[in-house]
PDB file of N, CA and C in Angstrom:
ATOM      1  N   ILE A   1       1.125  -1.160  -0.072  1.00  0.00           N
ATOM      2  CA  ILE A   1       0.094  -0.029  -0.199  1.00  0.00           C
ATOM      3  C   ILE A   1       0.812   1.343  -0.030  1.00  0.00           C
ATOM      4  N   HIS A   2       0.183   2.393  -0.379  1.00  0.00           N
ATOM      5  CA  HIS A   2       0.944   3.723  -0.356  1.00  0.00           C
ATOM      6  C   HIS A   2       0.277   4.549   0.771  1.00  0.00           C
ATOM      7  N   VAL A   3       1.213   5.247   1.344  1.00  0.00           N
ATOM      8  CA  VAL A   3       0.836   6.058   2.589  1.00  0.00           C
ATOM      9  C   VAL A   3       1.326   7.527   2.196  1.00  0.00           C
ATOM     10  N   PRO A   4       0.793   8.421   2.626  1.00  0.00           N
ATOM     11  CA  PRO A   4       0.970   9.962   2.385  1.00  0.00           C
ATOM     12  C   PRO A   4       2.453  10.381   3.041  1.00  0.00           C
ATOM     13  N   GLY A   5       3.141   9.872   3.919  1.00  0.00           N
ATOM     14  CA  GLY A   5       4.463  10.127   4.305  1.00  0.00           C
ATOM     15  C   GLY A   5       4.735   9.207   5.311  1.00  0.00           C
ATOM     16  N   ALA A   6       6.244   9.526   5.893  1.00  0.00           N
ATOM     17  CA  ALA A   6       6.779   8.497   6.476  1.00  0.00           C
ATOM     18  C   ALA A   6       6.426   8.080   7.801  1.00  0.00           C
ATOM     19  N   PHE A   7       5.713   9.247   8.540  1.00  0.00           N
ATOM     20  CA  PHE A   7       4.875   9.251   9.629  1.00  0.00           C
ATOM     21  C   PHE A   7       3.868   8.053   9.704  1.00  0.00           C
ATOM     22  N   GLU A   8       3.185   8.155   8.450  1.00  0.00           N
ATOM     23  CA  GLU A   8       2.129   7.175   8.243  1.00  0.00           C
ATOM     24  C   GLU A   8       2.364   5.676   8.166  1.00  0.00           C
ATOM     25  N   LEU A   9       3.498   5.414   7.906  1.00  0.00           N
ATOM     26  CA  LEU A   9       4.274   4.041   7.985  1.00  0.00           C
ATOM     27  C   LEU A   9       3.674   3.089   8.864  1.00  0.00           C
ATOM     28  N   THR A  10       3.677   3.577  10.083  1.00  0.00           N
ATOM     29  CA  THR A  10       3.419   2.648  11.233  1.00  0.00           C
ATOM     30  C   THR A  10       1.872   2.422  11.275  1.00  0.00           C
ATOM     31  N   LEU A  11       1.244   3.249  11.069  1.00  0.00           N
ATOM     32  CA  LEU A  11      -0.327   2.852  10.965  1.00  0.00           C
ATOM     33  C   LEU A  11      -0.692   2.097   9.709  1.00  0.00           C
ATOM     34  N   GLY A  12      -0.154   2.380   8.578  1.00  0.00           N
ATOM     35  CA  GLY A  12      -0.456   1.663   7.521  1.00  0.00           C
ATOM     36  C   GLY A  12       0.037   0.033   7.568  1.00  0.00           C
ATOM     37  N   GLY A  13       1.258   0.006   8.050  1.00  0.00           N
ATOM     38  CA  GLY A  13       1.875  -1.288   8.429  1.00  0.00           C
ATOM     39  C   GLY A  13       0.953  -1.916   9.542  1.00  0.00           C
ATOM     40  N   GLN A  14       0.284  -1.349  10.485  1.00  0.00           N
ATOM     41  CA  GLN A  14      -0.494  -1.951  11.278  1.00  0.00           C
ATOM     42  C   GLN A  14      -1.809  -2.477  10.667  1.00  0.00           C
ATOM     43  N   TRP A  15      -2.454  -1.562   9.651  1.00  0.00           N
ATOM     44  CA  TRP A  15      -3.542  -2.145   9.095  1.00  0.00           C
ATOM     45  C   TRP A  15      -3.139  -3.351   8.233  1.00  0.00           C
ATOM     46  N   MET A  16      -2.070  -3.090   7.547  1.00  0.00           N
ATOM     47  CA  MET A  16      -1.899  -4.532   6.754  1.00  0.00           C
ATOM     48  C   MET A  16      -1.877  -5.600   7.508  1.00  0.00           C
ATOM     49  N   ALA A  17      -1.155  -5.597   8.871  1.00  0.00           N
ATOM     50  CA  ALA A  17      -1.162  -6.952   9.638  1.00  0.00           C
ATOM     51  C   ALA A  17      -2.540  -7.268  10.374  1.00  0.00           C
ATOM     52  N   GLU A  18      -3.443  -6.386  10.665  1.00  0.00           N
ATOM     53  CA  GLU A  18      -4.967  -6.285  11.186  1.00  0.00           C
ATOM     54  C   GLU A  18      -5.592  -7.046   9.930  1.00  0.00           C
ATOM     55  N   TYR A  19      -5.603  -6.733   8.593  1.00  0.00           N
ATOM     56  CA  TYR A  19      -6.427  -6.974   7.681  1.00  0.00           C
ATOM     57  C   TYR A  19      -6.079  -8.176   6.864  1.00  0.00           C
ATOM     58  N   ASP A  20      -4.794  -8.721   7.048  1.00  0.00           N
ATOM     59  CA  ASP A  20      -4.220  -9.951   6.200  1.00  0.00           C
ATOM     60  C   ASP A  20      -3.324 -10.703   7.297  1.00  0.00           C
ATOM     61  N   ASP A  21      -3.978 -11.848   7.770  1.00  0.00           N
ATOM     62  CA  ASP A  21      -3.313 -12.595   8.898  1.00  0.00           C
ATOM     63  C   ASP A  21      -2.342 -13.533   8.193  1.00  0.00           C
ATOM     64  N   GLU A  22      -2.040 -13.717   6.952  1.00  0.00           N
ATOM     65  CA  GLU A  22      -1.086 -14.678   6.353  1.00  0.00           C
ATOM     66  C   GLU A  22       0.043 -13.656   6.000  1.00  0.00           C
ATOM     67  N   LEU A  23       0.152 -12.601   6.592  1.00  0.00           N
ATOM     68  CA  LEU A  23       1.620 -11.939   5.951  1.00  0.00           C
ATOM     69  C   LEU A  23       2.665 -12.524   6.637  1.00  0.00           C
ATOM     70  N   ASP A  24       3.906 -12.543   6.023  1.00  0.00           N
ATOM     71  CA  ASP A  24       5.126 -13.003   6.764  1.00  0.00           C
ATOM     72  C   ASP A  24       5.887 -11.845   7.149  1.00  0.00           C
ATOM     73  N   GLY A  25       5.825 -10.693   6.721  1.00  0.00           N
ATOM     74  CA  GLY A  25       6.504  -9.496   7.113  1.00  0.00           C
ATOM     75  C   GLY A  25       5.993  -8.239   6.422  1.00  0.00           C
ATOM     76  N   VAL A  26       6.267  -7.217   6.616  1.00  0.00           N
ATOM     77  CA  VAL A  26       5.964  -5.921   6.106  1.00  0.00           C
ATOM     78  C   VAL A  26       7.166  -5.095   5.794  1.00  0.00           C
ATOM     79  N   ILE A  27       7.488  -4.834   4.613  1.00  0.00           N
ATOM     80  CA  ILE A  27       8.680  -3.805   4.336  1.00  0.00           C
ATOM     81  C   ILE A  27       8.031  -2.456   4.147  1.00  0.00           C
ATOM     82  N   CYS A  28       8.722  -1.473   5.050  1.00  0.00           N
ATOM     83  CA  CYS A  28       8.059  -0.153   5.232  1.00  0.00           C
ATOM     84  C   CYS A  28       9.284   0.796   4.357  1.00  0.00           C
ATOM     85  N   LEU A  29       9.192   1.403   3.366  1.00  0.00           N
ATOM     86  CA  LEU A  29      10.052   2.098   2.760  1.00  0.00           C
ATOM     87  C   LEU A  29       9.537   3.469   2.653  1.00  0.00           C
ATOM     88  N   GLY A  30      10.354   4.487   2.917  1.00  0.00           N
ATOM     89  CA  GLY A  30      10.238   5.923   3.042  1.00  0.00           C
ATOM     90  C   GLY A  30      11.428   6.899   2.830  1.00  0.00           C
ATOM     91  N   CYS A  31      11.464   8.002   2.756  1.00  0.00           N
ATOM     92  CA  CYS A  31      12.662   8.622   2.897  1.00  0.00           C
ATOM     93  C   CYS A  31      12.345  10.042   3.752  1.00  0.00           C
ATOM     94  N   VAL A  32      13.243  10.492   4.736  1.00  0.00           N
ATOM     95  CA  VAL A  32      12.833  11.766   5.518  1.00  0.00           C
ATOM     96  C   VAL A  32      14.410  12.506   5.165  1.00  0.00           C
ATOM     97  N   ILE A  33      14.208  13.697   4.738  1.00  0.00           N
ATOM     98  CA  ILE A  33      15.250  14.633   4.512  1.00  0.00           C
ATOM     99  C   ILE A  33      15.367  15.614   5.525  1.00  0.00           C
ATOM    100  N   GLN A  34      16.625  15.694   6.126  1.00  0.00           N
ATOM    101  CA  GLN A  34      16.841  16.782   7.030  1.00  0.00           C
ATOM    102  C   GLN A  34      16.663  18.252   6.420  1.00  0.00           C
ATOM    103  N   GLY A  35      15.894  18.739   7.440  1.00  0.00           N
ATOM    104  CA  GLY A  35      15.578  20.455   7.055  1.00  0.00           C
ATOM    105  C   GLY A  35      16.343  20.998   8.136  1.00  0.00           C
ATOM    106  N   GLU A  36      15.845  22.165   8.589  1.00  0.00           N
ATOM    107  CA  GLU A  36      16.274  23.368   9.498  1.00  0.00           C
ATOM    108  C   GLU A  36      15.370  23.280  10.800  1.00  0.00           C
ATOM    109  N   THR A  37      14.654  22.106  10.895  1.00  0.00           N
ATOM    110  CA  THR A  37      13.971  22.302  12.042  1.00  0.00           C
ATOM    111  C   THR A  37      14.100  20.751  12.714  1.00  0.00           C
ATOM    112  N   PRO A  38      13.661  20.656  13.927  1.00  0.00           N
ATOM    113  CA  PRO A  38      13.636  19.525  14.557  1.00  0.00           C
ATOM    114  C   PRO A  38      12.557  18.256  13.939  1.00  0.00           C
ATOM    115  N   HIS A  39      11.839  18.608  13.219  1.00  0.00           N
ATOM    116  CA  HIS A  39      10.822  17.988  12.618  1.00  0.00           C
ATOM    117  C   HIS A  39      11.259  16.522  12.002  1.00  0.00           C
ATOM    118  N   PHE A  40      12.791  16.540  11.441  1.00  0.00           N
ATOM    119  CA  PHE A  40      13.379  15.630  10.828  1.00  0.00           C
ATOM    120  C   PHE A  40      13.360  14.295  12.100  1.00  0.00           C
ATOM    121  N   THR A  41      13.950  14.806  13.245  1.00  0.00           N
ATOM    122  CA  THR A  41      14.240  13.893  14.246  1.00  0.00           C
ATOM    123  C   THR A  41      13.097  13.362  15.114  1.00  0.00           C
ATOM    124  N   TYR A  42      11.835  14.157  14.997  1.00  0.00           N
ATOM    125  CA  TYR A  42      10.749  13.585  15.633  1.00  0.00           C
ATOM    126  C   TYR A  42      10.185  12.640  14.925  1.00  0.00           C
ATOM    127  N   ILE A  43      10.172  12.508  13.414  1.00  0.00           N
ATOM    128  CA  ILE A  43       9.784  11.779  12.485  1.00  0.00           C
ATOM    129  C   ILE A  43      10.284  10.553  12.339  1.00  0.00           C
ATOM    130  N   CYS A  44      11.723  10.669  12.506  1.00  0.00           N
ATOM    131  CA  CYS A  44      12.581   9.471  12.547  1.00  0.00           C
ATOM    132  C   CYS A  44      12.444   8.750  13.413  1.00  0.00           C
ATOM    133  N   GLN A  45      12.456   9.355  14.650  1.00  0.00           N
ATOM    134  CA  GLN A  45      12.302   8.660  16.022  1.00  0.00           C
ATOM    135  C   GLN A  45      11.190   7.892  16.276  1.00  0.00           C
ATOM    136  N   SER A  46       9.960   8.675  15.806  1.00  0.00           N
ATOM    137  CA  SER A  46       8.722   8.125  15.756  1.00  0.00           C
ATOM    138  C   SER A  46       8.370   7.025  14.922  1.00  0.00           C
ATOM    139  N   VAL A  47       9.125   7.002  13.932  1.00  0.00           N
ATOM    140  CA  VAL A  47       8.669   5.808  12.707  1.00  0.00           C
ATOM    141  C   VAL A  47       9.435   4.637  13.311  1.00  0.00           C
ATOM    142  N   ALA A  48      10.741   4.495  13.727  1.00  0.00           N
ATOM    143  CA  ALA A  48      11.571   3.762  14.303  1.00  0.00           C
ATOM    144  C   ALA A  48      11.112   3.013  15.450  1.00  0.00           C
ATOM    145  N   GLN A  49      10.577   3.963  16.377  1.00  0.00           N
ATOM    146  CA  GLN A  49       9.854   3.350  17.578  1.00  0.00           C
ATOM    147  C   GLN A  49       8.642   2.588  17.367  1.00  0.00           C
ATOM    148  N   GLY A  50       7.792   3.114  16.308  1.00  0.00           N
ATOM    149  CA  GLY A  50       6.469   2.591  16.000  1.00  0.00           C
ATOM    150  C   GLY A  50       6.584   1.231  15.283  1.00  0.00           C
ATOM    151  N   LEU A  51       7.605   1.334  14.196  1.00  0.00           N
ATOM    152  CA  LEU A  51       7.953  -0.095  13.661  1.00  0.00           C
ATOM    153  C   LEU A  51       8.626  -1.280  14.450  1.00  0.00           C
ATOM    154  N   THR A  52       9.140  -0.811  15.497  1.00  0.00           N
ATOM    155  CA  THR A  52       9.683  -1.531  16.449  1.00  0.00           C
ATOM    156  C   THR A  52       8.599  -2.331  17.454  1.00  0.00           C
ATOM    157  N   GLN A  53       7.524  -1.415  17.756  1.00  0.00           N
ATOM    158  CA  GLN A  53       6.662  -2.157  18.395  1.00  0.00           C
ATOM    159  C   GLN A  53       5.668  -2.951  17.731  1.00  0.00           C
ATOM    160  N   LEU A  54       5.508  -2.495  16.374  1.00  0.00           N
ATOM    161  CA  LEU A  54       4.642  -3.369  15.413  1.00  0.00           C
ATOM    162  C   LEU A  54       5.317  -4.934  15.233  1.00  0.00           C
ATOM    163  N   ASN A  55       6.599  -4.779  15.382  1.00  0.00           N
ATOM    164  CA  ASN A  55       7.535  -6.245  15.249  1.00  0.00           C
ATOM    165  C   ASN A  55       7.062  -7.113  16.412  1.00  0.00           C
ATOM    166  N   LEU A  56       6.828  -6.315  17.673  1.00  0.00           N
ATOM    167  CA  LEU A  56       6.666  -7.110  18.938  1.00  0.00           C
ATOM    168  C   LEU A  56       5.332  -7.559  19.108  1.00  0.00           C
ATOM    169  N   ASP A  57       4.425  -6.292  18.488  1.00  0.00           N
ATOM    170  CA  ASP A  57       2.996  -6.891  18.773  1.00  0.00           C
ATOM    171  C   ASP A  57       2.398  -7.860  17.779  1.00  0.00           C
ATOM    172  N   TYR A  58       2.944  -7.732  16.634  1.00  0.00           N
ATOM    173  CA  TYR A  58       2.116  -8.624  15.716  1.00  0.00           C
ATOM    174  C   TYR A  58       3.110 -10.069  15.271  1.00  0.00           C
ATOM    175  N   ASN A  59       4.458  -9.975  15.763  1.00  0.00           N
ATOM    176  CA  ASN A  59       5.491 -11.162  15.972  1.00  0.00           C
ATOM    177  C   ASN A  59       5.851 -11.510  14.408  1.00  0.00           C
ATOM    178  N   ILE A  60       5.731 -10.337  13.577  1.00  0.00           N
ATOM    179  CA  ILE A  60       6.366 -10.596  12.070  1.00  0.00           C
ATOM    180  C   ILE A  60       7.237  -9.359  11.969  1.00  0.00           C
ATOM    181  N   PRO A  61       8.004  -9.615  11.005  1.00  0.00           N
ATOM    182  CA  PRO A  61       9.042  -8.461  10.792  1.00  0.00           C
ATOM    183  C   PRO A  61       8.548  -7.237  10.061  1.00  0.00           C
ATOM    184  N   PHE A  62       8.802  -5.992  10.901  1.00  0.00           N
ATOM    185  CA  PHE A  62       8.158  -4.641   9.812  1.00  0.00           C
ATOM    186  C   PHE A  62       9.593  -3.979   9.816  1.00  0.00           C
ATOM    187  N   VAL A  63       9.897  -4.318   8.584  1.00  0.00           N
ATOM    188  CA  VAL A  63      11.371  -3.761   8.089  1.00  0.00           C
ATOM    189  C   VAL A  63      11.392  -2.469   7.941  1.00  0.00           C
ATOM    190  N   PHE A  64      12.561  -1.621   8.677  1.00  0.00           N
ATOM    191  CA  PHE A  64      12.533  -0.452   8.377  1.00  0.00           C
ATOM    192  C   PHE A  64      13.445   0.032   7.207  1.00  0.00           C
ATOM    193  N   GLY A  65      12.928   0.614   6.141  1.00  0.00           N
ATOM    194  CA  GLY A  65      13.456   0.667   5.186  1.00  0.00           C
ATOM    195  C   GLY A  65      13.322   2.138   4.670  1.00  0.00           C
ATOM    196  N   VAL A  66      13.620   2.932   5.644  1.00  0.00           N
ATOM    197  CA  VAL A  66      13.335   4.405   5.675  1.00  0.00           C
ATOM    198  C   VAL A  66      14.725   5.025   5.504  1.00  0.00           C
ATOM    199  N   LEU A  67      14.706   5.866   4.307  1.00  0.00           N
ATOM    200  CA  LEU A  67      16.204   6.479   4.253  1.00  0.00           C
ATOM    201  C   LEU A  67      16.204   7.762   5.032  1.00  0.00           C
ATOM    202  N   THR A  68      17.264   8.117   5.800  1.00  0.00           N
ATOM    203  CA  THR A  68      17.380   9.098   6.673  1.00  0.00           C
ATOM    204  C   THR A  68      18.580  10.129   6.404  1.00  0.00           C
ATOM    205  N   VAL A  69      18.301  11.020   5.398  1.00  0.00           N
ATOM    206  CA  VAL A  69      19.450  11.564   4.872  1.00  0.00           C
ATOM    207  C   VAL A  69      19.419  13.215   4.943  1.00  0.00           C
ATOM    208  N   ASP A  70      20.587  13.504   4.663  1.00  0.00           N
ATOM    209  CA  ASP A  70      20.872  15.209   4.762  1.00  0.00           C
ATOM    210  C   ASP A  70      20.322  15.872   3.407  1.00  0.00           C
ATOM    211  N   SER A  71      20.290  15.134   2.451  1.00  0.00           N
ATOM    212  CA  SER A  71      19.919  15.925   0.999  1.00  0.00           C
ATOM    213  C   SER A  71      19.129  14.697  -0.108  1.00  0.00           C
ATOM    214  N   PRO A  72      18.698  15.270  -0.926  1.00  0.00           N
ATOM    215  CA  PRO A  72      18.103  14.521  -1.939  1.00  0.00           C
ATOM    216  C   PRO A  72      19.094  13.489  -2.717  1.00  0.00           C
ATOM    217  N   ASN A  73      20.355  14.198  -2.777  1.00  0.00           N
ATOM    218  CA  ASN A  73      21.279  13.691  -3.529  1.00  0.00           C
ATOM    219  C   ASN A  73      21.513  12.193  -2.743  1.00  0.00           C
ATOM    220  N   GLN A  74      21.863  12.382  -1.415  1.00  0.00           N
ATOM    221  CA  GLN A  74      22.221  11.120  -0.724  1.00  0.00           C
ATOM    222  C   GLN A  74      20.903  10.184  -0.762  1.00  0.00           C
ATOM    223  N   ALA A  75      19.803  10.641  -0.901  1.00  0.00           N
ATOM    224  CA  ALA A  75      18.689   9.644  -1.116  1.00  0.00           C
ATOM    225  C   ALA A  75      18.753   8.839  -2.402  1.00  0.00           C
ATOM    226  N   LYS A  76      18.864   9.614  -3.470  1.00  0.00           N
ATOM    227  CA  LYS A  76      19.402   9.043  -4.538  1.00  0.00           C
ATOM    228  C   LYS A  76      20.515   8.011  -4.817  1.00  0.00           C
ATOM    229  N   GLU A  77      21.620   8.337  -3.933  1.00  0.00           N
ATOM    230  CA  GLU A  77      22.665   7.462  -3.922  1.00  0.00           C
ATOM    231  C   GLU A  77      22.338   6.147  -3.242  1.00  0.00           C
ATOM    232  N   ARG A  78      21.470   6.144  -2.186  1.00  0.00           N
ATOM    233  CA  ARG A  78      21.053   5.086  -1.560  1.00  0.00           C
ATOM    234  C   ARG A  78      19.725   4.235  -2.119  1.00  0.00           C
ATOM    235  N   SER A  79      19.335   4.844  -3.118  1.00  0.00           N
ATOM    236  CA  SER A  79      18.174   4.009  -3.657  1.00  0.00           C
ATOM    237  C   SER A  79      18.458   3.626  -5.142  1.00  0.00           C
ATOM    238  N   GLY A  80      19.552   2.966  -5.420  1.00  0.00           N
ATOM    239  CA  GLY A  80      20.059   2.602  -6.384  1.00  0.00           C
ATOM    240  C   GLY A  80      21.106   3.208  -7.247  1.00  0.00           C
ATOM    241  N   GLY A  81      21.660   4.223  -6.476  1.00  0.00           N
ATOM    242  CA  GLY A  81      22.913   4.901  -6.902  1.00  0.00           C
ATOM    243  C   GLY A  81      24.137   4.072  -6.478  1.00  0.00           C
ATOM    244  N   LYS A  82      25.272   4.806  -6.238  1.00  0.00           N
ATOM    245  CA  LYS A  82      26.724   4.456  -5.857  1.00  0.00           C
ATOM    246  C   LYS A  82      26.636   3.585  -4.757  1.00  0.00           C
ATOM    247  N   LEU A  83      25.709   3.961  -3.927  1.00  0.00           N
ATOM    248  CA  LEU A  83      25.712   3.343  -2.434  1.00  0.00           C
ATOM    249  C   LEU A  83      24.900   2.220  -2.455  1.00  0.00           C
ATOM    250  N   GLY A  84      24.253   1.677  -3.239  1.00  0.00           N
ATOM    251  CA  GLY A  84      23.353   0.573  -3.376  1.00  0.00           C
ATOM    252  C   GLY A  84      21.857   0.849  -3.383  1.00  0.00           C
ATOM    253  N   ASN A  85      21.149  -0.237  -2.932  1.00  0.00           N
ATOM    254  CA  ASN A  85      19.734  -0.064  -2.865  1.00  0.00           C
ATOM    255  C   ASN A  85      19.322  -0.271  -1.624  1.00  0.00           C
ATOM    256  N   LYS A  86      18.602   0.636  -0.902  1.00  0.00           N
ATOM    257  CA  LYS A  86      18.186   0.249   0.574  1.00  0.00           C
ATOM    258  C   LYS A  86      16.827  -0.454   0.498  1.00  0.00           C
ATOM    259  N   GLY A  87      16.118  -0.247  -0.604  1.00  0.00           N
ATOM    260  CA  GLY A  87      15.054  -0.927  -0.939  1.00  0.00           C
ATOM    261  C   GLY A  87      15.192  -2.289  -1.035  1.00  0.00           C
ATOM    262  N   ASP A  88      16.360  -2.785  -1.643  1.00  0.00           N
ATOM    263  CA  ASP A  88      16.328  -4.170  -2.060  1.00  0.00           C
ATOM    264  C   ASP A  88      17.019  -4.791  -0.812  1.00  0.00           C
ATOM    265  N   GLU A  89      17.915  -4.008   0.110  1.00  0.00           N
ATOM    266  CA  GLU A  89      18.273  -4.502   1.435  1.00  0.00           C
ATOM    267  C   GLU A  89      17.229  -4.749   2.213  1.00  0.00           C
ATOM    268  N   ALA A  90      16.231  -4.006   2.402  1.00  0.00           N
ATOM    269  CA  ALA A  90      14.929  -4.100   3.205  1.00  0.00           C
ATOM    270  C   ALA A  90      14.259  -5.373   2.576  1.00  0.00           C
ATOM    271  N   ALA A  91      14.163  -5.622   1.301  1.00  0.00           N
ATOM    272  CA  ALA A  91      13.417  -7.027   0.908  1.00  0.00           C
ATOM    273  C   ALA A  91      14.210  -8.049   1.447  1.00  0.00           C
ATOM    274  N   ILE A  92      15.622  -8.028   1.180  1.00  0.00           N
ATOM    275  CA  ILE A  92      16.223  -9.184   1.614  1.00  0.00           C
ATOM    276  C   ILE A  92      16.077  -9.402   3.144  1.00  0.00           C
ATOM    277  N   THR A  93      16.206  -8.363   3.926  1.00  0.00           N
ATOM    278  CA  THR A  93      16.047  -8.306   5.322  1.00  0.00           C
ATOM    279  C   THR A  93      14.775  -9.233   5.567  1.00  0.00           C
ATOM    280  N   ALA A  94      13.563  -8.815   5.123  1.00  0.00           N
ATOM    281  CA  ALA A  94      12.263  -9.333   5.353  1.00  0.00           C
ATOM    282  C   ALA A  94      12.144 -10.877   4.760  1.00  0.00           C
ATOM    283  N   ILE A  95      12.543 -11.358   3.852  1.00  0.00           N
ATOM    284  CA  ILE A  95      13.010 -12.852   3.458  1.00  0.00           C
ATOM    285  C   ILE A  95      13.794 -13.541   4.543  1.00  0.00           C
ATOM    286  N   ARG A  96      14.734 -13.154   4.808  1.00  0.00           N
ATOM    287  CA  ARG A  96      15.498 -13.604   5.975  1.00  0.00           C
ATOM    288  C   ARG A  96      15.060 -13.692   7.283  1.00  0.00           C
ATOM    289  N   MET A  97      14.213 -12.701   7.631  1.00  0.00           N
ATOM    290  CA  MET A  97      13.303 -12.909   8.834  1.00  0.00           C
ATOM    291  C   MET A  97      12.517 -13.907   8.779  1.00  0.00           C
ATOM    292  N   ALA A  98      11.659 -13.635   7.779  1.00  0.00           N
ATOM    293  CA  ALA A  98      10.648 -14.825   7.593  1.00  0.00           C
ATOM    294  C   ALA A  98      11.129 -15.974   7.750  1.00  0.00           C
ATOM    295  N   ALA A  99      12.063 -16.516   6.819  1.00  0.00           N
ATOM    296  CA  ALA A  99      12.842 -17.653   6.843  1.00  0.00           C
ATOM    297  C   ALA A  99      13.169 -18.233   8.006  1.00  0.00           C
ATOM    298  N   LEU A 100      13.879 -17.308   8.817  1.00  0.00           N
ATOM    299  CA  LEU A 100      14.182 -17.441  10.471  1.00  0.00           C
ATOM    300  C   LEU A 100      12.955 -17.896  11.070  1.00  0.00           C
ATOM    301  N   GLN A 101      11.999 -17.045  11.278  1.00  0.00           N
ATOM    302  CA  GLN A 101      10.740 -17.339  11.985  1.00  0.00           C
ATOM    303  C   GLN A 101      10.130 -18.850  11.618  1.00  0.00           C
ATOM    304  N   SER A 102      10.148 -18.898  10.224  1.00  0.00           N
ATOM    305  CA  SER A 102       9.540 -20.493   9.910  1.00  0.00           C
ATOM    306  C   SER A 102      10.459 -21.410  10.338  1.00  0.00           C
ATOM    307  N   LYS A 103      11.720 -21.300  10.301  1.00  0.00           N
ATOM    308  CA  LYS A 103      12.804 -22.460  10.890  1.00  0.00           C
ATOM    309  C   LYS A 103      12.408 -22.508  12.313  1.00  0.00           C
ATOM    310  N   LEU A 104      12.536 -21.505  12.991  1.00  0.00           N
ATOM    311  CA  LEU A 104      12.310 -21.827  14.475  1.00  0.00           C
ATOM    312  C   LEU A 104      11.103 -22.276  14.829  1.00  0.00           C
ATOM    313  N   GLU A 105       9.854 -22.150  13.967  1.00  0.00           N
ATOM    314  CA  GLU A 105       8.426 -22.622  14.426  1.00  0.00           C
ATOM    315  C   GLU A 105       8.560 -24.355  14.161  1.00  0.00           C
ATOM    316  N   GLU A 106       9.486 -24.711  13.230  1.00  0.00           N
ATOM    317  CA  GLU A 106       9.696 -26.070  12.801  1.00  0.00           C
ATOM    318  C   GLU A 106       9.593 -27.028  14.163  1.00  0.00           C
TER     319      GLU A 106
END
């Protein structure tokens, strides 16, 4: 699903888990760019804490794939540029965590 902004990732993720009990994980992708106000810090901390809580509440991985960067250029470099693709990394993390959970449940 698509949510309006990074702050809404936690609620969107929660809705996914509530309405689909067959999910093995949720990948939460977004980007927050540092500005001149403390807003950046509040958003990043809230999303990280919210996703951590969802991991514990639903016992499935909610992967933090949110870029927290100082500039749009840094975001581009981390989303398929010279520094790799953090979205790909988040998908790999989700697969590995779901596989680990499946193995532990055996």
